[in-house]
Amino acid sequence: MNLGDVTDATVPKMSLLSPPAHGGTVSTRTFIPHRVHEAIGVLGAVSVATACLLTGSVAHAVAVIPQKTEGSTEIVVEHPTGFFTVTIEVAVSPGGRPPGTPRECPTARSS
């Protein structure tokens, strides 16, 4: 990633994804250098939710995607201490790729 020395940095942040374990869309474990994050941050949740809707992505392959994804779509991102629900407005373009635009991200909460 060409970030140089990140010994004292809080980047890069990476997430491992797996199929949902508790009825959500996808399960995550987010890593901040030197430790596993207890939950998932807002930007991380929005990034994972967007990736879940991109056909052909790794996230799309492991996620349980709602049948209807055009219009307002909720993606439930599971994390170790609960879940984070991201609502995305989706419009399918003529090429078939859904550009996701996050509309709201409620605060993370326990399940």
N, C-alpha and C. Protein backbone atom coordinates (compact mmCIF):
# COMPACT_ATOMS: atom_id res chain seq x y z
N MET A 1 0.82 -1.19 0.00
CA MET A 1 0.00 0.00 0.00
C MET A 1 0.87 1.25 0.00
N ASN A 2 2.16 1.06 0.13
CA ASN A 2 3.11 2.18 0.03
C ASN A 2 2.83 3.27 1.06
N LEU A 3 2.53 2.88 2.30
CA LEU A 3 2.23 3.85 3.36
C LEU A 3 3.43 4.22 4.20
N GLY A 4 4.56 3.57 3.97
CA GLY A 4 5.73 3.87 4.78
C GLY A 4 5.60 3.23 6.15
N ASP A 5 6.27 3.83 7.16
CA ASP A 5 6.25 3.31 8.52
C ASP A 5 4.93 3.66 9.20
N VAL A 6 4.14 2.67 9.52
CA VAL A 6 2.85 2.90 10.17
C VAL A 6 2.86 2.43 11.63
N THR A 7 4.06 2.34 12.20
CA THR A 7 4.20 1.84 13.56
C THR A 7 3.29 2.55 14.55
N ASP A 8 3.22 3.86 14.49
CA ASP A 8 2.41 4.64 15.43
C ASP A 8 1.13 5.19 14.81
N ALA A 9 0.77 4.69 13.64
CA ALA A 9 -0.40 5.21 12.92
C ALA A 9 -1.64 4.37 13.22
N THR A 10 -2.80 4.92 12.92
CA THR A 10 -4.05 4.17 13.05
C THR A 10 -4.54 3.70 11.69
N VAL A 11 -3.67 3.73 10.70
CA VAL A 11 -3.98 3.22 9.37
C VAL A 11 -2.88 2.23 8.99
N PRO A 12 -3.09 1.30 8.11
CA PRO A 12 -4.35 1.06 7.40
C PRO A 12 -5.34 0.29 8.27
N LYS A 13 -6.61 0.51 7.99
CA LYS A 13 -7.68 -0.26 8.63
C LYS A 13 -8.16 -1.27 7.59
N MET A 14 -8.26 -2.52 8.00
CA MET A 14 -8.69 -3.57 7.07
C MET A 14 -9.79 -4.38 7.73
N SER A 15 -10.68 -4.92 6.92
CA SER A 15 -11.76 -5.76 7.44
C SER A 15 -11.73 -7.11 6.76
N LEU A 16 -11.90 -8.15 7.55
CA LEU A 16 -12.13 -9.48 7.02
C LEU A 16 -13.63 -9.69 6.97
N LEU A 17 -14.10 -10.32 5.92
CA LEU A 17 -15.54 -10.52 5.74
C LEU A 17 -15.85 -12.01 5.69
N SER A 18 -17.03 -12.35 6.18
CA SER A 18 -17.52 -13.72 6.09
C SER A 18 -19.04 -13.67 6.00
N PRO A 19 -19.66 -14.79 5.65
CA PRO A 19 -21.12 -14.79 5.62
C PRO A 19 -21.67 -14.40 7.00
N PRO A 20 -22.86 -13.85 7.04
CA PRO A 20 -23.43 -13.41 8.32
C PRO A 20 -23.65 -14.58 9.26
N ALA A 21 -23.49 -14.32 10.55
CA ALA A 21 -23.67 -15.35 11.57
C ALA A 21 -24.92 -15.12 12.41
N HIS A 22 -25.47 -13.89 12.35
CA HIS A 22 -26.58 -13.54 13.24
C HIS A 22 -27.73 -12.85 12.51
N GLY A 23 -27.98 -13.24 11.26
CA GLY A 23 -29.12 -12.70 10.53
C GLY A 23 -28.87 -11.41 9.78
N GLY A 24 -27.64 -10.91 9.77
CA GLY A 24 -27.32 -9.68 9.05
C GLY A 24 -27.04 -9.94 7.57
N THR A 25 -26.35 -9.01 6.95
CA THR A 25 -25.98 -9.13 5.54
C THR A 25 -24.60 -9.74 5.40
N VAL A 26 -23.67 -9.34 6.28
CA VAL A 26 -22.28 -9.80 6.22
C VAL A 26 -21.68 -9.67 7.62
N SER A 27 -20.72 -10.50 7.93
CA SER A 27 -20.03 -10.43 9.22
C SER A 27 -18.63 -9.88 8.99
N THR A 28 -18.15 -9.04 9.92
CA THR A 28 -16.83 -8.40 9.76
C THR A 28 -15.98 -8.53 11.02
N ARG A 29 -14.68 -8.45 10.81
CA ARG A 29 -13.69 -8.24 11.86
C ARG A 29 -12.78 -7.16 11.29
N THR A 30 -12.72 -6.02 11.97
CA THR A 30 -11.92 -4.90 11.48
C THR A 30 -10.63 -4.82 12.28
N PHE A 31 -9.53 -4.66 11.56
CA PHE A 31 -8.22 -4.58 12.17
C PHE A 31 -7.65 -3.18 12.03
N ILE A 32 -7.26 -2.63 13.16
CA ILE A 32 -6.52 -1.38 13.21
C ILE A 32 -5.11 -1.84 13.57
N PRO A 33 -4.08 -1.22 13.04
CA PRO A 33 -2.75 -1.73 13.36
C PRO A 33 -2.61 -2.03 14.86
N HIS A 34 -2.12 -3.21 15.13
CA HIS A 34 -1.79 -3.68 16.48
C HIS A 34 -2.96 -4.30 17.23
N ARG A 35 -4.19 -4.25 16.72
CA ARG A 35 -5.29 -4.86 17.47
C ARG A 35 -6.52 -5.06 16.57
N VAL A 36 -7.44 -5.90 17.08
CA VAL A 36 -8.72 -6.09 16.42
C VAL A 36 -9.68 -5.07 17.02
N HIS A 37 -10.42 -4.35 16.17
CA HIS A 37 -11.37 -3.34 16.65
C HIS A 37 -12.56 -4.05 17.31
N GLU A 38 -13.10 -3.47 18.37
CA GLU A 38 -14.24 -4.06 19.07
C GLU A 38 -15.51 -4.06 18.24
N ALA A 39 -15.64 -3.11 17.33
CA ALA A 39 -16.86 -2.97 16.53
C ALA A 39 -16.45 -2.68 15.08
N ILE A 40 -17.01 -1.63 14.49
CA ILE A 40 -16.62 -1.16 13.16
C ILE A 40 -16.96 0.33 13.12
N GLY A 41 -16.11 1.11 12.51
CA GLY A 41 -16.35 2.54 12.40
C GLY A 41 -17.35 2.87 11.30
N VAL A 42 -17.80 4.11 11.28
CA VAL A 42 -18.78 4.55 10.29
C VAL A 42 -18.24 4.38 8.87
N LEU A 43 -17.05 4.89 8.58
CA LEU A 43 -16.49 4.77 7.23
C LEU A 43 -16.29 3.31 6.85
N GLY A 44 -15.84 2.49 7.81
CA GLY A 44 -15.67 1.07 7.53
C GLY A 44 -16.99 0.40 7.19
N ALA A 45 -18.04 0.70 7.95
CA ALA A 45 -19.35 0.10 7.71
C ALA A 45 -19.91 0.52 6.35
N VAL A 46 -19.77 1.80 6.01
CA VAL A 46 -20.25 2.29 4.71
C VAL A 46 -19.44 1.64 3.58
N SER A 47 -18.13 1.50 3.77
CA SER A 47 -17.29 0.87 2.74
C SER A 47 -17.67 -0.59 2.53
N VAL A 48 -17.87 -1.33 3.62
CA VAL A 48 -18.26 -2.73 3.52
C VAL A 48 -19.64 -2.85 2.87
N ALA A 49 -20.59 -2.03 3.30
CA ALA A 49 -21.95 -2.08 2.74
C ALA A 49 -21.94 -1.80 1.24
N THR A 50 -21.17 -0.82 0.83
CA THR A 50 -21.07 -0.50 -0.59
C THR A 50 -20.48 -1.67 -1.37
N ALA A 51 -19.41 -2.26 -0.83
CA ALA A 51 -18.78 -3.40 -1.50
C ALA A 51 -19.73 -4.59 -1.62
N CYS A 52 -20.61 -4.75 -0.62
CA CYS A 52 -21.57 -5.86 -0.68
C CYS A 52 -22.50 -5.76 -1.89
N LEU A 53 -22.75 -4.54 -2.36
CA LEU A 53 -23.67 -4.34 -3.48
C LEU A 53 -22.98 -4.32 -4.83
N LEU A 54 -21.65 -4.43 -4.85
CA LEU A 54 -20.92 -4.41 -6.11
C LEU A 54 -20.75 -5.83 -6.65
N THR A 55 -21.51 -6.15 -7.67
CA THR A 55 -21.45 -7.48 -8.28
C THR A 55 -20.02 -7.81 -8.66
N GLY A 56 -19.58 -9.00 -8.26
CA GLY A 56 -18.23 -9.45 -8.58
C GLY A 56 -17.22 -9.17 -7.49
N SER A 57 -17.60 -8.40 -6.48
CA SER A 57 -16.66 -8.12 -5.39
C SER A 57 -16.61 -9.30 -4.42
N VAL A 58 -15.54 -9.37 -3.63
CA VAL A 58 -15.43 -10.41 -2.60
C VAL A 58 -16.57 -10.28 -1.61
N ALA A 59 -16.88 -9.05 -1.22
CA ALA A 59 -17.97 -8.82 -0.27
C ALA A 59 -19.30 -9.33 -0.81
N HIS A 60 -19.57 -9.08 -2.09
CA HIS A 60 -20.81 -9.54 -2.72
C HIS A 60 -20.90 -11.06 -2.70
N ALA A 61 -19.75 -11.73 -2.85
CA ALA A 61 -19.73 -13.19 -2.89
C ALA A 61 -20.07 -13.82 -1.54
N VAL A 62 -19.73 -13.17 -0.43
CA VAL A 62 -20.00 -13.77 0.89
C VAL A 62 -21.24 -13.21 1.58
N ALA A 63 -21.75 -12.08 1.10
CA ALA A 63 -22.89 -11.42 1.74
C ALA A 63 -24.22 -12.08 1.37
N VAL A 64 -25.18 -11.94 2.24
CA VAL A 64 -26.56 -12.35 1.95
C VAL A 64 -27.28 -11.05 1.59
N ILE A 65 -27.43 -10.83 0.29
CA ILE A 65 -27.95 -9.58 -0.25
C ILE A 65 -29.48 -9.62 -0.28
N PRO A 66 -30.13 -8.52 0.14
CA PRO A 66 -31.59 -8.47 0.02
C PRO A 66 -32.01 -8.67 -1.44
N GLN A 67 -33.17 -9.29 -1.66
CA GLN A 67 -33.63 -9.54 -3.02
C GLN A 67 -33.78 -8.26 -3.82
N LYS A 68 -34.34 -7.22 -3.20
CA LYS A 68 -34.52 -5.94 -3.89
C LYS A 68 -33.41 -5.02 -3.44
N THR A 69 -32.56 -4.60 -4.39
CA THR A 69 -31.48 -3.70 -4.01
C THR A 69 -31.62 -2.33 -4.65
N GLU A 70 -32.58 -2.16 -5.56
CA GLU A 70 -32.75 -0.83 -6.15
C GLU A 70 -33.61 0.01 -5.21
N GLY A 71 -33.26 1.28 -5.06
CA GLY A 71 -33.94 2.16 -4.13
C GLY A 71 -33.25 2.12 -2.78
N SER A 72 -33.99 2.33 -1.73
CA SER A 72 -33.44 2.35 -0.38
C SER A 72 -33.19 0.91 0.08
N THR A 73 -31.94 0.60 0.41
CA THR A 73 -31.55 -0.75 0.80
C THR A 73 -30.80 -0.71 2.12
N GLU A 74 -31.18 -1.58 3.04
CA GLU A 74 -30.46 -1.68 4.31
C GLU A 74 -29.47 -2.83 4.26
N ILE A 75 -28.23 -2.53 4.62
CA ILE A 75 -27.19 -3.54 4.73
C ILE A 75 -26.82 -3.61 6.20
N VAL A 76 -26.95 -4.79 6.79
CA VAL A 76 -26.65 -4.97 8.21
C VAL A 76 -25.26 -5.59 8.33
N VAL A 77 -24.33 -4.79 8.83
CA VAL A 77 -22.93 -5.20 8.98
C VAL A 77 -22.74 -5.71 10.41
N GLU A 78 -22.53 -7.01 10.54
CA GLU A 78 -22.30 -7.59 11.86
C GLU A 78 -20.84 -7.34 12.27
N HIS A 79 -20.62 -7.13 13.57
CA HIS A 79 -19.27 -6.98 14.12
C HIS A 79 -19.25 -7.64 15.49
N PRO A 80 -18.09 -7.77 16.14
CA PRO A 80 -18.01 -8.55 17.38
C PRO A 80 -18.94 -8.11 18.51
N THR A 81 -19.32 -6.84 18.58
CA THR A 81 -20.17 -6.39 19.69
C THR A 81 -21.60 -6.06 19.26
N GLY A 82 -21.99 -6.43 18.05
CA GLY A 82 -23.36 -6.16 17.61
C GLY A 82 -23.46 -6.03 16.10
N PHE A 83 -24.10 -4.97 15.66
CA PHE A 83 -24.26 -4.74 14.23
C PHE A 83 -24.38 -3.25 13.97
N PHE A 84 -24.17 -2.89 12.71
CA PHE A 84 -24.25 -1.50 12.25
C PHE A 84 -25.10 -1.53 10.99
N THR A 85 -26.22 -0.85 10.99
CA THR A 85 -27.10 -0.84 9.82
C THR A 85 -26.80 0.38 8.97
N VAL A 86 -26.53 0.15 7.70
CA VAL A 86 -26.27 1.22 6.74
C VAL A 86 -27.41 1.22 5.73
N THR A 87 -28.03 2.37 5.53
CA THR A 87 -29.07 2.51 4.52
C THR A 87 -28.46 3.19 3.31
N ILE A 88 -28.57 2.55 2.15
CA ILE A 88 -27.97 3.06 0.91
C ILE A 88 -29.06 3.23 -0.14
N GLU A 89 -29.01 4.34 -0.85
CA GLU A 89 -29.89 4.54 -2.01
C GLU A 89 -29.18 3.95 -3.22
N VAL A 90 -29.81 3.02 -3.90
CA VAL A 90 -29.19 2.33 -5.04
C VAL A 90 -30.01 2.56 -6.30
N ALA A 91 -29.31 2.92 -7.38
CA ALA A 91 -29.92 3.02 -8.70
C ALA A 91 -29.05 2.22 -9.66
N VAL A 92 -29.66 1.29 -10.36
CA VAL A 92 -28.90 0.46 -11.29
C VAL A 92 -28.71 1.24 -12.59
N SER A 93 -27.45 1.37 -12.99
CA SER A 93 -27.13 2.10 -14.22
C SER A 93 -27.37 1.20 -15.42
N PRO A 94 -27.38 1.78 -16.65
CA PRO A 94 -27.60 0.97 -17.85
C PRO A 94 -26.61 -0.19 -17.98
N GLY A 95 -25.38 -0.02 -17.45
CA GLY A 95 -24.39 -1.09 -17.49
C GLY A 95 -24.63 -2.17 -16.46
N GLY A 96 -25.62 -1.99 -15.59
CA GLY A 96 -25.98 -2.99 -14.61
C GLY A 96 -25.27 -2.87 -13.28
N ARG A 97 -24.34 -1.94 -13.15
CA ARG A 97 -23.63 -1.79 -11.88
C ARG A 97 -24.40 -0.84 -10.97
N PRO A 98 -24.62 -1.26 -9.72
CA PRO A 98 -25.37 -0.39 -8.80
C PRO A 98 -24.46 0.59 -8.07
N PRO A 99 -24.52 1.88 -8.39
CA PRO A 99 -23.75 2.85 -7.61
C PRO A 99 -24.46 3.09 -6.29
N GLY A 100 -23.81 2.84 -5.18
CA GLY A 100 -24.43 3.01 -3.86
C GLY A 100 -24.11 4.38 -3.29
N THR A 101 -25.10 5.07 -2.80
CA THR A 101 -24.91 6.36 -2.14
C THR A 101 -25.44 6.26 -0.73
N PRO A 102 -24.55 6.28 0.28
CA PRO A 102 -25.04 6.17 1.66
C PRO A 102 -25.95 7.33 2.01
N ARG A 103 -27.08 7.05 2.60
CA ARG A 103 -28.02 8.08 2.98
C ARG A 103 -27.99 8.33 4.47
N GLU A 104 -27.92 7.28 5.25
CA GLU A 104 -27.87 7.44 6.69
C GLU A 104 -27.13 6.27 7.29
N CYS A 105 -26.47 6.51 8.39
CA CYS A 105 -25.76 5.48 9.11
C CYS A 105 -26.07 5.61 10.58
N PRO A 106 -27.06 4.89 11.09
CA PRO A 106 -27.38 4.99 12.51
C PRO A 106 -26.19 4.57 13.36
N THR A 107 -26.16 4.97 14.59
CA THR A 107 -25.09 4.60 15.51
C THR A 107 -25.04 3.09 15.69
N ALA A 108 -23.83 2.56 15.83
CA ALA A 108 -23.67 1.12 16.09
C ALA A 108 -24.39 0.77 17.38
N ARG A 109 -24.99 -0.39 17.41
CA ARG A 109 -25.72 -0.80 18.60
C ARG A 109 -25.60 -2.30 18.80
N SER A 110 -25.78 -2.75 19.99
CA SER A 110 -25.70 -4.18 20.31
C SER A 110 -26.94 -4.89 19.78
N SER A 111 -26.75 -6.16 19.43
CA SER A 111 -27.89 -6.94 18.96
C SER A 111 -28.65 -7.53 20.11
